[in-house]
Amino acid sequence: MLHDATLDGRAEPRTTPTCVVDNQPAHDAYLRWGSQTMGQIKHAPASPLYDAMVLILRR
């Protein structure tokens, strides 16, 4: 419910969540909520590796 409430009414057509690669519960939740994995990124040289995802909010 919190996920939906945070995104409800947003003007942007999509959002790009990221989660640490080893965080399987978060990754699975994003997939259940409709996100798709696009690839992997690092936010900074010393940061962990993240799954970069996209969720289409409206078409």
N, C-alpha and C. Protein backbone atom coordinates (compact mmCIF):
# COMPACT_ATOMS: atom_id res chain seq x y z
N MET A 1 0.82 -1.19 0.00
CA MET A 1 0.00 0.00 0.00
C MET A 1 0.87 1.26 0.00
N LEU A 2 1.96 1.23 0.75
CA LEU A 2 2.85 2.39 0.80
C LEU A 2 3.45 2.65 -0.58
N HIS A 3 3.87 1.60 -1.26
CA HIS A 3 4.43 1.74 -2.61
C HIS A 3 3.42 2.43 -3.52
N ASP A 4 2.19 1.93 -3.55
CA ASP A 4 1.15 2.50 -4.41
C ASP A 4 0.82 3.94 -4.01
N ALA A 5 0.73 4.21 -2.72
CA ALA A 5 0.41 5.56 -2.25
C ALA A 5 1.50 6.56 -2.63
N THR A 6 2.75 6.12 -2.60
CA THR A 6 3.87 7.00 -2.96
C THR A 6 3.83 7.37 -4.43
N LEU A 7 3.39 6.45 -5.27
CA LEU A 7 3.40 6.69 -6.72
C LEU A 7 2.09 7.22 -7.27
N ASP A 8 1.01 7.09 -6.52
CA ASP A 8 -0.31 7.51 -6.98
C ASP A 8 -0.34 9.01 -7.27
N GLY A 9 -0.82 9.38 -8.44
CA GLY A 9 -0.96 10.78 -8.80
C GLY A 9 0.30 11.45 -9.33
N ARG A 10 1.39 10.71 -9.47
CA ARG A 10 2.63 11.29 -9.99
C ARG A 10 2.43 11.68 -11.45
N ALA A 11 3.04 12.77 -11.87
CA ALA A 11 2.91 13.24 -13.25
C ALA A 11 3.88 12.53 -14.20
N GLU A 12 4.96 11.98 -13.65
CA GLU A 12 5.96 11.32 -14.49
C GLU A 12 5.38 10.04 -15.09
N PRO A 13 5.79 9.69 -16.32
CA PRO A 13 5.29 8.47 -16.94
C PRO A 13 5.94 7.19 -16.41
N ARG A 14 7.07 7.33 -15.72
CA ARG A 14 7.77 6.14 -15.22
C ARG A 14 8.60 6.51 -14.00
N THR A 15 9.00 5.48 -13.27
CA THR A 15 9.93 5.65 -12.17
C THR A 15 11.05 4.61 -12.33
N THR A 16 12.20 4.90 -11.78
CA THR A 16 13.35 4.01 -11.95
C THR A 16 13.90 3.59 -10.59
N PRO A 17 13.26 2.61 -9.96
CA PRO A 17 13.78 2.14 -8.67
C PRO A 17 15.08 1.37 -8.85
N THR A 18 15.87 1.36 -7.81
CA THR A 18 17.08 0.54 -7.78
C THR A 18 17.09 -0.23 -6.47
N CYS A 19 17.71 -1.39 -6.49
CA CYS A 19 17.90 -2.14 -5.24
C CYS A 19 19.22 -2.89 -5.33
N VAL A 20 19.84 -3.05 -4.18
CA VAL A 20 21.13 -3.75 -4.11
C VAL A 20 20.94 -5.15 -4.70
N VAL A 21 21.86 -5.57 -5.54
CA VAL A 21 21.76 -6.84 -6.27
C VAL A 21 21.46 -8.01 -5.33
N ASP A 22 22.09 -8.06 -4.18
CA ASP A 22 21.91 -9.18 -3.25
C ASP A 22 20.63 -9.09 -2.41
N ASN A 23 19.84 -8.05 -2.58
CA ASN A 23 18.62 -7.87 -1.79
C ASN A 23 17.45 -8.53 -2.52
N GLN A 24 17.38 -9.85 -2.46
CA GLN A 24 16.37 -10.59 -3.21
C GLN A 24 14.94 -10.26 -2.79
N PRO A 25 14.64 -10.06 -1.48
CA PRO A 25 13.27 -9.69 -1.12
C PRO A 25 12.81 -8.38 -1.77
N ALA A 26 13.68 -7.38 -1.80
CA ALA A 26 13.32 -6.10 -2.43
C ALA A 26 13.16 -6.28 -3.94
N HIS A 27 14.08 -6.99 -4.55
CA HIS A 27 14.02 -7.23 -6.00
C HIS A 27 12.72 -7.94 -6.36
N ASP A 28 12.37 -8.98 -5.61
CA ASP A 28 11.13 -9.72 -5.87
C ASP A 28 9.90 -8.84 -5.68
N ALA A 29 9.93 -7.97 -4.68
CA ALA A 29 8.79 -7.06 -4.45
C ALA A 29 8.63 -6.11 -5.63
N TYR A 30 9.71 -5.51 -6.10
CA TYR A 30 9.62 -4.61 -7.25
C TYR A 30 9.05 -5.32 -8.47
N LEU A 31 9.46 -6.57 -8.68
CA LEU A 31 8.92 -7.34 -9.81
C LEU A 31 7.41 -7.58 -9.63
N ARG A 32 6.99 -7.93 -8.42
CA ARG A 32 5.55 -8.13 -8.16
C ARG A 32 4.76 -6.86 -8.40
N TRP A 33 5.37 -5.71 -8.14
CA TRP A 33 4.69 -4.43 -8.29
C TRP A 33 4.75 -3.92 -9.73
N GLY A 34 5.36 -4.69 -10.63
CA GLY A 34 5.33 -4.34 -12.04
C GLY A 34 6.61 -3.80 -12.64
N SER A 35 7.66 -3.66 -11.85
CA SER A 35 8.93 -3.17 -12.39
C SER A 35 9.60 -4.25 -13.22
N GLN A 36 10.45 -3.81 -14.14
CA GLN A 36 11.27 -4.71 -14.95
C GLN A 36 12.73 -4.32 -14.76
N THR A 37 13.60 -5.31 -14.67
CA THR A 37 15.03 -5.04 -14.53
C THR A 37 15.62 -4.65 -15.88
N MET A 38 16.35 -3.52 -15.91
CA MET A 38 16.97 -3.03 -17.14
C MET A 38 18.44 -3.39 -17.21
N GLY A 39 19.08 -3.50 -16.05
CA GLY A 39 20.51 -3.76 -16.01
C GLY A 39 21.03 -3.53 -14.62
N GLN A 40 22.32 -3.29 -14.51
CA GLN A 40 22.94 -3.04 -13.21
C GLN A 40 23.76 -1.77 -13.28
N ILE A 41 23.81 -1.05 -12.15
CA ILE A 41 24.56 0.20 -12.07
C ILE A 41 25.24 0.31 -10.71
N LYS A 42 26.18 1.25 -10.63
CA LYS A 42 26.78 1.66 -9.36
C LYS A 42 26.52 3.16 -9.24
N HIS A 43 25.99 3.58 -8.11
CA HIS A 43 25.71 5.00 -7.91
C HIS A 43 26.99 5.81 -7.71
N ALA A 44 28.01 5.17 -7.19
CA ALA A 44 29.31 5.81 -6.95
C ALA A 44 30.36 4.71 -6.94
N PRO A 45 31.62 5.06 -7.15
CA PRO A 45 32.67 4.03 -7.20
C PRO A 45 32.68 3.09 -5.99
N ALA A 46 32.41 3.62 -4.81
CA ALA A 46 32.47 2.79 -3.60
C ALA A 46 31.13 2.15 -3.24
N SER A 47 30.10 2.39 -4.03
CA SER A 47 28.78 1.85 -3.69
C SER A 47 28.65 0.40 -4.14
N PRO A 48 27.67 -0.31 -3.58
CA PRO A 48 27.42 -1.67 -4.06
C PRO A 48 26.81 -1.66 -5.46
N LEU A 49 26.73 -2.81 -6.05
CA LEU A 49 26.10 -2.97 -7.36
C LEU A 49 24.59 -3.02 -7.17
N TYR A 50 23.86 -2.30 -8.00
CA TYR A 50 22.41 -2.22 -7.91
C TYR A 50 21.76 -2.75 -9.18
N ASP A 51 20.58 -3.36 -9.03
CA ASP A 51 19.74 -3.63 -10.17
C ASP A 51 19.01 -2.35 -10.50
N ALA A 52 19.09 -1.90 -11.75
CA ALA A 52 18.35 -0.72 -12.22
C ALA A 52 17.05 -1.24 -12.83
N MET A 53 15.94 -0.66 -12.39
CA MET A 53 14.63 -1.15 -12.80
C MET A 53 13.81 0.00 -13.35
N VAL A 54 12.73 -0.31 -14.04
CA VAL A 54 11.82 0.71 -14.52
C VAL A 54 10.39 0.23 -14.27
N LEU A 55 9.54 1.17 -13.90
CA LEU A 55 8.11 0.91 -13.70
C LEU A 55 7.35 1.96 -14.48
N ILE A 56 6.57 1.52 -15.46
CA ILE A 56 5.74 2.45 -16.24
C ILE A 56 4.52 2.80 -15.39
N LEU A 57 4.33 4.10 -15.14
CA LEU A 57 3.23 4.53 -14.28
C LEU A 57 1.96 4.78 -15.08
N ARG A 58 2.10 5.25 -16.30
CA ARG A 58 0.93 5.51 -17.15
C ARG A 58 1.39 5.48 -18.60
N ARG A 59 0.47 5.23 -19.47
CA ARG A 59 0.80 5.21 -20.90
C ARG A 59 0.02 6.26 -21.62
